[in-house]
């Protein structure tokens, strides 16, 4: 089962403009707060989501490889059983010939 995606990313505030001294400080503080409170946790959530999906994909690949191994083993065992059935049929024919 795929891991659900993290919530939508919050838009960044208007970046500070060095030419606008009246709003520079407020915008710089807002940008820093956004980075600290939204951007970094969102990036961490996305990275965790990607990691969890990679782990799940690896586990699924291993399970598929295990199933392929089991199918190969079953095919081999079926071949052995067919060979043994042929041998038993031959032996039954020989026994019938000797008994007759």
PDB file of N, CA and C in Angstrom:
ATOM      1  N   UNK A   1       0.860  -1.174   0.000  1.00  0.00           N
ATOM      2  CA  UNK A   1       0.000   0.000   0.000  1.00  0.00           C
ATOM      3  C   UNK A   1       0.899   1.226   0.000  1.00  0.00           C
ATOM      4  N   UNK A   2       0.648   2.116  -0.918  1.00  0.00           N
ATOM      5  CA  UNK A   2       1.475   3.316  -1.040  1.00  0.00           C
ATOM      6  C   UNK A   2       1.279   4.242   0.149  1.00  0.00           C
ATOM      7  N   UNK A   3       2.354   4.874   0.525  1.00  0.00           N
ATOM      8  CA  UNK A   3       2.316   5.837   1.620  1.00  0.00           C
ATOM      9  C   UNK A   3       1.654   7.112   1.089  1.00  0.00           C
ATOM     10  N   UNK A   4       0.774   7.696   1.896  1.00  0.00           N
ATOM     11  CA  UNK A   4       0.081   8.902   1.452  1.00  0.00           C
ATOM     12  C   UNK A   4       1.047  10.088   1.399  1.00  0.00           C
ATOM     13  N   UNK A   5       0.771  10.968   0.480  1.00  0.00           N
ATOM     14  CA  UNK A   5       1.612  12.155   0.310  1.00  0.00           C
ATOM     15  C   UNK A   5       1.396  13.124   1.469  1.00  0.00           C
ATOM     16  N   UNK A   6       2.429  13.883   1.799  1.00  0.00           N
ATOM     17  CA  UNK A   6       2.280  14.887   2.858  1.00  0.00           C
ATOM     18  C   UNK A   6       1.323  15.989   2.418  1.00  0.00           C
ATOM     19  N   UNK A   7       0.855  16.791   3.365  1.00  0.00           N
ATOM     20  CA  UNK A   7      -0.079  17.869   3.004  1.00  0.00           C
ATOM     21  C   UNK A   7       0.558  18.866   2.039  1.00  0.00           C
ATOM     22  N   UNK A   8      -0.296  19.643   1.400  1.00  0.00           N
ATOM     23  CA  UNK A   8       0.166  20.629   0.424  1.00  0.00           C
ATOM     24  C   UNK A   8       1.147  21.611   1.058  1.00  0.00           C
ATOM     25  N   UNK A   9       2.046  22.091   0.250  1.00  0.00           N
ATOM     26  CA  UNK A   9       3.070  23.016   0.720  1.00  0.00           C
ATOM     27  C   UNK A   9       2.478  24.415   0.831  1.00  0.00           C
ATOM     28  N   UNK A  10       2.766  25.063   1.956  1.00  0.00           N
ATOM     29  CA  UNK A  10       2.272  26.424   2.217  1.00  0.00           C
ATOM     30  C   UNK A  10       3.102  27.414   1.397  1.00  0.00           C
ATOM     31  N   UNK A  11       2.434  28.341   0.741  1.00  0.00           N
ATOM     32  CA  UNK A  11       3.123  29.334  -0.081  1.00  0.00           C
ATOM     33  C   UNK A  11       3.982  30.248   0.782  1.00  0.00           C
ATOM     34  N   UNK A  12       5.131  30.604   0.263  1.00  0.00           N
ATOM     35  CA  UNK A  12       6.049  31.501   0.968  1.00  0.00           C
ATOM     36  C   UNK A  12       5.515  32.927   0.948  1.00  0.00           C
ATOM     37  N   UNK A  13       5.835  33.683   1.989  1.00  0.00           N
ATOM     38  CA  UNK A  13       5.414  35.089   1.996  1.00  0.00           C
ATOM     39  C   UNK A  13       6.241  35.899   0.998  1.00  0.00           C
ATOM     40  N   UNK A  14       5.841  37.135   0.808  1.00  0.00           N
ATOM     41  CA  UNK A  14       6.572  38.027  -0.094  1.00  0.00           C
ATOM     42  C   UNK A  14       7.993  38.194   0.425  1.00  0.00           C
ATOM     43  N   UNK A  15       8.987  37.968  -0.423  1.00  0.00           N
ATOM     44  CA  UNK A  15      10.366  38.078   0.053  1.00  0.00           C
ATOM     45  C   UNK A  15      10.746  39.526   0.356  1.00  0.00           C
ATOM     46  N   UNK A  16      11.729  39.697   1.239  1.00  0.00           N
ATOM     47  CA  UNK A  16      12.165  41.067   1.566  1.00  0.00           C
ATOM     48  C   UNK A  16      12.871  41.708   0.366  1.00  0.00           C
ATOM     49  N   UNK A  17      12.737  43.021   0.275  1.00  0.00           N
ATOM     50  CA  UNK A  17      13.373  43.786  -0.798  1.00  0.00           C
ATOM     51  C   UNK A  17      14.272  44.824  -0.138  1.00  0.00           C
ATOM     52  N   UNK A  18      15.568  44.735  -0.377  1.00  0.00           N
ATOM     53  CA  UNK A  18      16.512  45.670   0.265  1.00  0.00           C
ATOM     54  C   UNK A  18      16.216  47.122  -0.104  1.00  0.00           C
ATOM     55  N   UNK A  19      15.586  47.336  -1.252  1.00  0.00           N
ATOM     56  CA  UNK A  19      15.276  48.700  -1.677  1.00  0.00           C
ATOM     57  C   UNK A  19      14.083  49.289  -0.932  1.00  0.00           C
ATOM     58  N   UNK A  20      13.306  48.452  -0.264  1.00  0.00           N
ATOM     59  CA  UNK A  20      12.124  48.928   0.458  1.00  0.00           C
ATOM     60  C   UNK A  20      12.389  48.786   1.954  1.00  0.00           C
ATOM     61  N   UNK A  21      13.000  49.841   2.521  1.00  0.00           N
ATOM     62  CA  UNK A  21      13.407  49.782   3.927  1.00  0.00           C
ATOM     63  C   UNK A  21      12.217  49.729   4.884  1.00  0.00           C
ATOM     64  N   UNK A  22      11.067  50.191   4.454  1.00  0.00           N
ATOM     65  CA  UNK A  22       9.895  50.240   5.335  1.00  0.00           C
ATOM     66  C   UNK A  22       9.366  48.834   5.638  1.00  0.00           C
ATOM     67  N   UNK A  23       9.471  47.908   4.676  1.00  0.00           N
ATOM     68  CA  UNK A  23       8.919  46.561   4.877  1.00  0.00           C
ATOM     69  C   UNK A  23       9.982  45.478   4.979  1.00  0.00           C
ATOM     70  N   UNK A  24      11.253  45.853   4.808  1.00  0.00           N
ATOM     71  CA  UNK A  24      12.311  44.850   4.770  1.00  0.00           C
ATOM     72  C   UNK A  24      12.337  43.996   6.032  1.00  0.00           C
ATOM     73  N   UNK A  25      12.360  44.611   7.181  1.00  0.00           N
ATOM     74  CA  UNK A  25      12.475  43.870   8.436  1.00  0.00           C
ATOM     75  C   UNK A  25      11.289  42.927   8.642  1.00  0.00           C
ATOM     76  N   UNK A  26      10.079  43.423   8.406  1.00  0.00           N
ATOM     77  CA  UNK A  26       8.888  42.586   8.602  1.00  0.00           C
ATOM     78  C   UNK A  26       8.872  41.417   7.616  1.00  0.00           C
ATOM     79  N   UNK A  27       9.236  41.699   6.372  1.00  0.00           N
ATOM     80  CA  UNK A  27       9.247  40.630   5.370  1.00  0.00           C
ATOM     81  C   UNK A  27      10.369  39.619   5.632  1.00  0.00           C
ATOM     82  N   UNK A  28      11.518  40.088   6.092  1.00  0.00           N
ATOM     83  CA  UNK A  28      12.623  39.186   6.418  1.00  0.00           C
ATOM     84  C   UNK A  28      12.223  38.265   7.571  1.00  0.00           C
ATOM     85  N   UNK A  29      11.565  38.841   8.581  1.00  0.00           N
ATOM     86  CA  UNK A  29      11.101  38.034   9.715  1.00  0.00           C
ATOM     87  C   UNK A  29      10.051  37.025   9.253  1.00  0.00           C
ATOM     88  N   UNK A  30       9.125  37.462   8.409  1.00  0.00           N
ATOM     89  CA  UNK A  30       8.088  36.556   7.898  1.00  0.00           C
ATOM     90  C   UNK A  30       8.714  35.427   7.076  1.00  0.00           C
ATOM     91  N   UNK A  31       9.720  35.751   6.276  1.00  0.00           N
ATOM     92  CA  UNK A  31      10.390  34.731   5.469  1.00  0.00           C
ATOM     93  C   UNK A  31      11.110  33.721   6.354  1.00  0.00           C
ATOM     94  N   UNK A  32      11.792  34.222   7.385  1.00  0.00           N
ATOM     95  CA  UNK A  32      12.492  33.324   8.307  1.00  0.00           C
ATOM     96  C   UNK A  32      11.492  32.435   9.044  1.00  0.00           C
ATOM     97  N   UNK A  33      10.400  33.029   9.527  1.00  0.00           N
ATOM     98  CA  UNK A  33       9.381  32.246  10.237  1.00  0.00           C
ATOM     99  C   UNK A  33       8.765  31.181   9.324  1.00  0.00           C
ATOM    100  N   UNK A  34       8.530  31.543   8.064  1.00  0.00           N
ATOM    101  CA  UNK A  34       7.982  30.574   7.115  1.00  0.00           C
ATOM    102  C   UNK A  34       8.967  29.419   6.911  1.00  0.00           C
ATOM    103  N   UNK A  35      10.223  29.744   6.753  1.00  0.00           N
ATOM    104  CA  UNK A  35      11.239  28.716   6.568  1.00  0.00           C
ATOM    105  C   UNK A  35      11.277  27.771   7.767  1.00  0.00           C
ATOM    106  N   UNK A  36      11.284  28.350   8.950  1.00  0.00           N
ATOM    107  CA  UNK A  36      11.378  27.561  10.180  1.00  0.00           C
ATOM    108  C   UNK A  36      10.105  26.764  10.452  1.00  0.00           C
ATOM    109  N   UNK A  37       8.946  27.364  10.261  1.00  0.00           N
ATOM    110  CA  UNK A  37       7.684  26.731  10.656  1.00  0.00           C
ATOM    111  C   UNK A  37       7.006  25.908   9.557  1.00  0.00           C
ATOM    112  N   UNK A  38       7.328  26.200   8.294  1.00  0.00           N
ATOM    113  CA  UNK A  38       6.642  25.494   7.206  1.00  0.00           C
ATOM    114  C   UNK A  38       7.601  24.771   6.266  1.00  0.00           C
ATOM    115  N   UNK A  39       8.523  25.506   5.682  1.00  0.00           N
ATOM    116  CA  UNK A  39       9.353  24.942   4.618  1.00  0.00           C
ATOM    117  C   UNK A  39      10.184  23.756   5.092  1.00  0.00           C
ATOM    118  N   UNK A  40      10.900  23.901   6.184  1.00  0.00           N
ATOM    119  CA  UNK A  40      11.756  22.814   6.665  1.00  0.00           C
ATOM    120  C   UNK A  40      10.925  21.592   7.067  1.00  0.00           C
ATOM    121  N   UNK A  41       9.860  21.729   7.867  1.00  0.00           N
ATOM    122  CA  UNK A  41       9.048  20.544   8.175  1.00  0.00           C
ATOM    123  C   UNK A  41       8.410  19.915   6.930  1.00  0.00           C
ATOM    124  N   UNK A  42       8.016  20.747   5.961  1.00  0.00           N
ATOM    125  CA  UNK A  42       7.425  20.201   4.733  1.00  0.00           C
ATOM    126  C   UNK A  42       8.456  19.425   3.931  1.00  0.00           C
ATOM    127  N   UNK A  43       9.661  19.947   3.838  1.00  0.00           N
ATOM    128  CA  UNK A  43      10.733  19.247   3.128  1.00  0.00           C
ATOM    129  C   UNK A  43      11.051  17.935   3.839  1.00  0.00           C
ATOM    130  N   UNK A  44      11.095  17.962   5.162  1.00  0.00           N
ATOM    131  CA  UNK A  44      11.344  16.735   5.921  1.00  0.00           C
ATOM    132  C   UNK A  44      10.220  15.725   5.695  1.00  0.00           C
ATOM    133  N   UNK A  45       8.969  16.194   5.645  1.00  0.00           N
ATOM    134  CA  UNK A  45       7.837  15.299   5.416  1.00  0.00           C
ATOM    135  C   UNK A  45       7.916  14.669   4.031  1.00  0.00           C
ATOM    136  N   UNK A  46       8.282  15.453   3.027  1.00  0.00           N
ATOM    137  CA  UNK A  46       8.415  14.925   1.673  1.00  0.00           C
ATOM    138  C   UNK A  46       9.557  13.908   1.627  1.00  0.00           C
ATOM    139  N   UNK A  47      10.681  14.221   2.265  1.00  0.00           N
ATOM    140  CA  UNK A  47      11.810  13.289   2.277  1.00  0.00           C
ATOM    141  C   UNK A  47      11.436  11.988   2.982  1.00  0.00           C
ATOM    142  N   UNK A  48      10.702  12.086   4.090  1.00  0.00           N
ATOM    143  CA  UNK A  48      10.254  10.892   4.807  1.00  0.00           C
ATOM    144  C   UNK A  48       9.309  10.084   3.934  1.00  0.00           C
ATOM    145  N   UNK A  49       8.409  10.757   3.234  1.00  0.00           N
ATOM    146  CA  UNK A  49       7.468  10.087   2.343  1.00  0.00           C
ATOM    147  C   UNK A  49       8.210   9.340   1.230  1.00  0.00           C
ATOM    148  N   UNK A  50       9.193   9.982   0.634  1.00  0.00           N
ATOM    149  CA  UNK A  50       9.972   9.347  -0.430  1.00  0.00           C
ATOM    150  C   UNK A  50      10.713   8.128   0.121  1.00  0.00           C
ATOM    151  N   UNK A  51      11.313   8.281   1.297  1.00  0.00           N
ATOM    152  CA  UNK A  51      12.035   7.169   1.924  1.00  0.00           C
ATOM    153  C   UNK A  51      11.084   5.998   2.204  1.00  0.00           C
ATOM    154  N   UNK A  52       9.917   6.283   2.795  1.00  0.00           N
ATOM    155  CA  UNK A  52       8.954   5.219   3.104  1.00  0.00           C
ATOM    156  C   UNK A  52       8.483   4.510   1.846  1.00  0.00           C
ATOM    157  N   UNK A  53       8.250   5.261   0.774  1.00  0.00           N
ATOM    158  CA  UNK A  53       7.846   4.646  -0.488  1.00  0.00           C
ATOM    159  C   UNK A  53       8.968   3.775  -1.054  1.00  0.00           C
ATOM    160  N   UNK A  54      10.211   4.215  -0.916  1.00  0.00           N
ATOM    161  CA  UNK A  54      11.346   3.421  -1.398  1.00  0.00           C
ATOM    162  C   UNK A  54      11.472   2.123  -0.601  1.00  0.00           C
ATOM    163  N   UNK A  55      11.291   2.208   0.720  1.00  0.00           N
ATOM    164  CA  UNK A  55      11.348   1.009   1.559  1.00  0.00           C
ATOM    165  C   UNK A  55      10.244   0.037   1.162  1.00  0.00           C
ATOM    166  N   UNK A  56       9.041   0.567   0.952  1.00  0.00           N
ATOM    167  CA  UNK A  56       7.919  -0.288   0.564  1.00  0.00           C
ATOM    168  C   UNK A  56       8.164  -0.913  -0.806  1.00  0.00           C
ATOM    169  N   UNK A  57       8.710  -0.143  -1.739  1.00  0.00           N
ATOM    170  CA  UNK A  57       8.999  -0.676  -3.071  1.00  0.00           C
ATOM    171  C   UNK A  57      10.039  -1.793  -2.989  1.00  0.00           C
ATOM    172  N   UNK A  58      11.050  -1.611  -2.155  1.00  0.00           N
ATOM    173  CA  UNK A  58      12.067  -2.649  -1.989  1.00  0.00           C
ATOM    174  C   UNK A  58      11.461  -3.910  -1.380  1.00  0.00           C
ATOM    175  N   UNK A  59      10.589  -3.740  -0.399  1.00  0.00           N
ATOM    176  CA  UNK A  59       9.933  -4.898   0.220  1.00  0.00           C
ATOM    177  C   UNK A  59       9.052  -5.621  -0.790  1.00  0.00           C
ATOM    178  N   UNK A  60       8.332  -4.868  -1.609  1.00  0.00           N
ATOM    179  CA  UNK A  60       7.489  -5.483  -2.636  1.00  0.00           C
ATOM    180  C   UNK A  60       8.329  -6.217  -3.675  1.00  0.00           C
ATOM    181  N   UNK A  61       9.466  -5.632  -4.044  1.00  0.00           N
ATOM    182  CA  UNK A  61      10.353  -6.289  -5.012  1.00  0.00           C
ATOM    183  C   UNK A  61      10.891  -7.587  -4.432  1.00  0.00           C
ATOM    184  N   UNK A  62      11.249  -7.567  -3.145  1.00  0.00           N
ATOM    185  CA  UNK A  62      11.748  -8.784  -2.494  1.00  0.00           C
ATOM    186  C   UNK A  62      10.656  -9.842  -2.433  1.00  0.00           C
ATOM    187  N   UNK A  63       9.432  -9.416  -2.147  1.00  0.00           N
ATOM    188  CA  UNK A  63       8.315 -10.364  -2.092  1.00  0.00           C
ATOM    189  C   UNK A  63       8.063 -10.976  -3.472  1.00  0.00           C
ATOM    190  N   UNK A  64       8.146 -10.158  -4.501  1.00  0.00           N
ATOM    191  CA  UNK A  64       7.959 -10.673  -5.864  1.00  0.00           C
ATOM    192  C   UNK A  64       9.080 -11.650  -6.227  1.00  0.00           C
ATOM    193  N   UNK A  65      10.295 -11.318  -5.837  1.00  0.00           N
ATOM    194  CA  UNK A  65      11.414 -12.221  -6.113  1.00  0.00           C
ATOM    195  C   UNK A  65      11.216 -13.533  -5.367  1.00  0.00           C
ATOM    196  N   UNK A  66      10.711 -13.451  -4.129  1.00  0.00           N
ATOM    197  CA  UNK A  66      10.432 -14.658  -3.352  1.00  0.00           C
ATOM    198  C   UNK A  66       9.360 -15.490  -4.016  1.00  0.00           C
ATOM    199  N   UNK A  67       8.331 -14.838  -4.545  1.00  0.00           N
ATOM    200  CA  UNK A  67       7.255 -15.557  -5.237  1.00  0.00           C
ATOM    201  C   UNK A  67       7.791 -16.207  -6.508  1.00  0.00           C
ATOM    202  N   UNK A  68       8.678 -15.514  -7.200  1.00  0.00           N
ATOM    203  CA  UNK A  68       9.273 -16.088  -8.412  1.00  0.00           C
ATOM    204  C   UNK A  68      10.116 -17.300  -8.050  1.00  0.00           C
ATOM    205  N   UNK A  69      10.863 -17.219  -6.937  1.00  0.00           N
ATOM    206  CA  UNK A  69      11.650 -18.369  -6.484  1.00  0.00           C
ATOM    207  C   UNK A  69      10.744 -19.547  -6.155  1.00  0.00           C
ATOM    208  N   UNK A  70       9.624 -19.261  -5.481  1.00  0.00           N
ATOM    209  CA  UNK A  70       8.686 -20.327  -5.129  1.00  0.00           C
ATOM    210  C   UNK A  70       8.085 -20.949  -6.386  1.00  0.00           C
ATOM    211  N   UNK A  71       7.771 -20.128  -7.376  1.00  0.00           N
ATOM    212  CA  UNK A  71       7.210 -20.645  -8.626  1.00  0.00           C
ATOM    213  C   UNK A  71       8.241 -21.526  -9.330  1.00  0.00           C
ATOM    214  N   UNK A  72       9.496 -21.089  -9.315  1.00  0.00           N
ATOM    215  CA  UNK A  72      10.563 -21.877  -9.928  1.00  0.00           C
ATOM    216  C   UNK A  72      10.727 -23.208  -9.208  1.00  0.00           C
ATOM    217  N   UNK A  73      10.677 -23.181  -7.883  1.00  0.00           N
ATOM    218  CA  UNK A  73      10.786 -24.406  -7.091  1.00  0.00           C
ATOM    219  C   UNK A  73       9.622 -25.339  -7.395  1.00  0.00           C
ATOM    220  N   UNK A  74       8.420 -24.777  -7.484  1.00  0.00           N
ATOM    221  CA  UNK A  74       7.240 -25.598  -7.787  1.00  0.00           C
ATOM    222  C   UNK A  74       7.359 -26.228  -9.169  1.00  0.00           C
ATOM    223  N   UNK A  75       7.872 -25.474 -10.133  1.00  0.00           N
ATOM    224  CA  UNK A  75       8.062 -26.014 -11.477  1.00  0.00           C
ATOM    225  C   UNK A  75       9.079 -27.151 -11.461  1.00  0.00           C
ATOM    226  N   UNK A  76      10.163 -26.960 -10.721  1.00  0.00           N
ATOM    227  CA  UNK A  76      11.183 -28.008 -10.598  1.00  0.00           C
ATOM    228  C   UNK A  76      10.594 -29.256  -9.952  1.00  0.00           C
ATOM    229  N   UNK A  77       9.819 -29.056  -8.876  1.00  0.00           N
ATOM    230  CA  UNK A  77       9.214 -30.193  -8.192  1.00  0.00           C
ATOM    231  C   UNK A  77       8.206 -30.913  -9.091  1.00  0.00           C
ATOM    232  N   UNK A  78       7.477 -30.162  -9.894  1.00  0.00           N
ATOM    233  CA  UNK A  78       6.535 -30.781 -10.832  1.00  0.00           C
ATOM    234  C   UNK A  78       7.287 -31.615 -11.862  1.00  0.00           C
ATOM    235  N   UNK A  79       8.424 -31.125 -12.324  1.00  0.00           N
ATOM    236  CA  UNK A  79       9.252 -31.882 -13.265  1.00  0.00           C
ATOM    237  C   UNK A  79       9.760 -33.171 -12.644  1.00  0.00           C
ATOM    238  N   UNK A  80      10.195 -33.073 -11.382  1.00  0.00           N
ATOM    239  CA  UNK A  80      10.664 -34.271 -10.672  1.00  0.00           C
ATOM    240  C   UNK A  80       9.520 -35.270 -10.521  1.00  0.00           C
ATOM    241  N   UNK A  81       8.340 -34.782 -10.155  1.00  0.00           N
ATOM    242  CA  UNK A  81       7.182 -35.666  -9.988  1.00  0.00           C
ATOM    243  C   UNK A  81       6.813 -36.339 -11.304  1.00  0.00           C
ATOM    244  N   UNK A  82       6.897 -35.606 -12.408  1.00  0.00           N
ATOM    245  CA  UNK A  82       6.606 -36.181 -13.719  1.00  0.00           C
ATOM    246  C   UNK A  82       7.619 -37.273 -14.054  1.00  0.00           C
ATOM    247  N   UNK A  83       8.884 -37.016 -13.778  1.00  0.00           N
ATOM    248  CA  UNK A  83       9.932 -38.010 -14.022  1.00  0.00           C
ATOM    249  C   UNK A  83       9.698 -39.256 -13.168  1.00  0.00           C
ATOM    250  N   UNK A  84       9.360 -39.039 -11.893  1.00  0.00           N
ATOM    251  CA  UNK A  84       9.101 -40.175 -11.004  1.00  0.00           C
ATOM    252  C   UNK A  84       7.869 -40.962 -11.459  1.00  0.00           C
ATOM    253  N   UNK A  85       6.863 -40.286 -11.970  1.00  0.00           N
ATOM    254  CA  UNK A  85       5.678 -40.972 -12.484  1.00  0.00           C
ATOM    255  C   UNK A  85       6.051 -41.825 -13.692  1.00  0.00           C
ATOM    256  N   UNK A  86       6.919 -41.312 -14.534  1.00  0.00           N
ATOM    257  CA  UNK A  86       7.393 -42.080 -15.698  1.00  0.00           C
ATOM    258  C   UNK A  86       8.160 -43.313 -15.261  1.00  0.00           C
ATOM    259  N   UNK A  87       9.009 -43.143 -14.259  1.00  0.00           N
ATOM    260  CA  UNK A  87       9.773 -44.282 -13.729  1.00  0.00           C
ATOM    261  C   UNK A  87       8.826 -45.310 -13.132  1.00  0.00           C
ATOM    262  N   UNK A  88       7.835 -44.851 -12.376  1.00  0.00           N
ATOM    263  CA  UNK A  88       6.870 -45.774 -11.768  1.00  0.00           C
ATOM    264  C   UNK A  88       6.081 -46.519 -12.837  1.00  0.00           C
ATOM    265  N   UNK A  89       5.724 -45.827 -13.909  1.00  0.00           N
ATOM    266  CA  UNK A  89       4.993 -46.477 -14.997  1.00  0.00           C
ATOM    267  C   UNK A  89       5.865 -47.553 -15.650  1.00  0.00           C
ATOM    268  N   UNK A  90       7.121 -47.224 -15.866  1.00  0.00           N
ATOM    269  CA  UNK A  90       8.058 -48.197 -16.439  1.00  0.00           C
ATOM    270  C   UNK A  90       8.211 -49.409 -15.526  1.00  0.00           C
ATOM    271  N   UNK A  91       8.370 -49.147 -14.235  1.00  0.00           N
ATOM    272  CA  UNK A  91       8.522 -50.237 -13.270  1.00  0.00           C
ATOM    273  C   UNK A  91       7.257 -51.096 -13.214  1.00  0.00           C
ATOM    274  N   UNK A  92       6.098 -50.464 -13.311  1.00  0.00           N
ATOM    275  CA  UNK A  92       4.847 -51.215 -13.311  1.00  0.00           C
ATOM    276  C   UNK A  92       4.763 -52.092 -14.553  1.00  0.00           C
ATOM    277  N   UNK A  93       5.211 -51.567 -15.679  1.00  0.00           N
ATOM    278  CA  UNK A  93       5.246 -52.354 -16.929  1.00  0.00           C
ATOM    279  C   UNK A  93       6.170 -53.551 -16.797  1.00  0.00           C
ATOM    280  N   UNK A  94       7.340 -53.341 -16.203  1.00  0.00           N
ATOM    281  CA  UNK A  94       8.317 -54.421 -16.008  1.00  0.00           C
ATOM    282  C   UNK A  94       7.721 -55.473 -15.079  1.00  0.00           C
ATOM    283  N   UNK A  95       7.099 -55.022 -13.980  1.00  0.00           N
ATOM    284  CA  UNK A  95       6.501 -55.956 -13.014  1.00  0.00           C
ATOM    285  C   UNK A  95       5.373 -56.739 -13.672  1.00  0.00           C
ATOM    286  N   UNK A  96       4.590 -56.074 -14.500  1.00  0.00           N
ATOM    287  CA  UNK A  96       3.495 -56.777 -15.190  1.00  0.00           C
ATOM    288  C   UNK A  96       4.053 -57.829 -16.150  1.00  0.00           C
ATOM    289  N   UNK A  97       5.124 -57.477 -16.845  1.00  0.00           N
ATOM    290  CA  UNK A  97       5.754 -58.399 -17.779  1.00  0.00           C
ATOM    291  C   UNK A  97       6.295 -59.625 -17.045  1.00  0.00           C
ATOM    292  N   UNK A  98       6.961 -59.390 -15.895  1.00  0.00           N
ATOM    293  CA  UNK A  98       7.532 -60.495 -15.113  1.00  0.00           C
ATOM    294  C   UNK A  98       6.427 -61.356 -14.504  1.00  0.00           C
ATOM    295  N   UNK A  99       5.333 -60.729 -14.112  1.00  0.00           N
ATOM    296  CA  UNK A  99       4.245 -61.486 -13.485  1.00  0.00           C
ATOM    297  C   UNK A  99       3.505 -62.323 -14.514  1.00  0.00           C
ATOM    298  N   UNK A 100       3.479 -61.885 -15.755  1.00  0.00           N
ATOM    299  CA  UNK A 100       2.714 -62.558 -16.807  1.00  0.00           C
ATOM    300  C   UNK A 100       3.382 -63.741 -17.339  1.00  0.00           C
TER     301      UNK A 100
END
